[in-house]
């Protein structure tokens, strides 16, 4: 990480106990989220380092009807 004041890389995570498989997240940010056979999200594990993709991921988090999605720092494990 450089000392230029940049935000740390973020990662999208899902709480599988809260998710009900509505699938809105995959519609908002399909480049990061696919759906399994039951409609539950399958997330790309890579850090979000593109500003546009991060903006879409933030929107998906905000619009999740069950608050099952969240953004964490890429270094976080959990």
Protein backbone atom coordinates (compact mmCIF):
# COMPACT_ATOMS: atom_id res chain seq x y z
CA UNK A 1 0.00 0.00 0.00
CA UNK A 2 1.39 3.37 -0.94
CA UNK A 3 1.50 6.38 1.33
CA UNK A 4 -0.58 8.50 -1.06
CA UNK A 5 -3.69 8.46 1.14
CA UNK A 6 -5.46 5.86 -0.99
CA UNK A 7 -8.19 3.78 0.59
CA UNK A 8 -7.23 0.18 1.41
CA UNK A 9 -8.46 -2.42 -1.07
CA UNK A 10 -11.92 -3.72 -0.27
CA UNK A 11 -13.58 -7.09 -0.68
CA UNK A 12 -17.24 -7.98 -1.00
CA UNK A 13 -18.46 -10.68 1.43
CA UNK A 14 -21.84 -12.26 2.08
CA UNK A 15 -23.33 -13.57 5.31
CA UNK A 16 -24.95 -16.83 4.16
CA UNK A 17 -27.19 -16.94 7.24
CA UNK A 18 -28.85 -13.64 6.32
CA UNK A 19 -29.03 -14.10 2.54
CA UNK A 20 -32.36 -15.29 1.15
CA UNK A 21 -31.21 -15.59 -2.47
CA UNK A 22 -33.16 -12.64 -3.90
CA UNK A 23 -30.39 -12.09 -6.45
CA UNK A 24 -30.52 -8.28 -6.60
CA UNK A 25 -26.79 -8.10 -5.95
CA UNK A 26 -25.95 -10.09 -9.08
CA UNK A 27 -28.10 -7.72 -11.15
CA UNK A 28 -26.30 -4.67 -9.77
CA UNK A 29 -22.73 -5.95 -10.02
CA UNK A 30 -22.61 -9.03 -12.29
CA UNK A 31 -18.85 -8.63 -12.80
CA UNK A 32 -18.38 -9.60 -9.12
CA UNK A 33 -21.38 -11.77 -8.28
CA UNK A 34 -22.82 -14.84 -9.94
CA UNK A 35 -25.71 -16.91 -8.66
CA UNK A 36 -25.72 -20.59 -7.85
CA UNK A 37 -28.54 -22.95 -8.85
CA UNK A 38 -30.68 -21.76 -5.92
CA UNK A 39 -30.12 -18.03 -6.50
CA UNK A 40 -27.53 -17.50 -3.79
CA UNK A 41 -24.51 -15.28 -4.55
CA UNK A 42 -21.13 -16.64 -5.52
CA UNK A 43 -18.61 -13.83 -5.02
CA UNK A 44 -15.34 -13.16 -6.80
CA UNK A 45 -12.72 -13.34 -4.02
CA UNK A 46 -10.38 -10.73 -5.51
CA UNK A 47 -10.00 -7.32 -3.85
CA UNK A 48 -12.00 -4.48 -5.37
CA UNK A 49 -9.37 -2.09 -6.64
CA UNK A 50 -11.32 -0.46 -9.49
CA UNK A 51 -13.29 2.63 -8.43
CA UNK A 52 -16.26 1.92 -10.70
CA UNK A 53 -16.59 -1.69 -9.54
CA UNK A 54 -16.27 -0.56 -5.91
CA UNK A 55 -19.06 1.98 -6.46
CA UNK A 56 -21.33 -0.76 -7.88
CA UNK A 57 -20.43 -3.10 -5.00
CA UNK A 58 -21.29 -0.34 -2.52
CA UNK A 59 -24.66 0.07 -4.22
CA UNK A 60 -25.30 -3.69 -4.03
CA UNK A 61 -24.51 -3.64 -0.29
CA UNK A 62 -26.89 -0.72 0.25
CA UNK A 63 -29.73 -2.37 -1.69
CA UNK A 64 -29.48 -5.87 -0.24
CA UNK A 65 -32.93 -6.48 1.29
CA UNK A 66 -31.51 -8.72 4.02
CA UNK A 67 -28.31 -6.73 4.74
CA UNK A 68 -26.37 -9.90 3.92
CA UNK A 69 -23.66 -8.17 1.86
CA UNK A 70 -20.84 -6.10 3.28
CA UNK A 71 -17.55 -4.56 2.24
CA UNK A 72 -14.46 -5.36 4.29
CA UNK A 73 -10.82 -4.49 3.95
CA UNK A 74 -9.15 -6.98 1.64
CA UNK A 75 -6.74 -8.03 4.40
CA UNK A 76 -9.63 -8.92 6.75
CA UNK A 77 -10.45 -12.62 7.11
CA UNK A 78 -14.00 -13.01 8.29
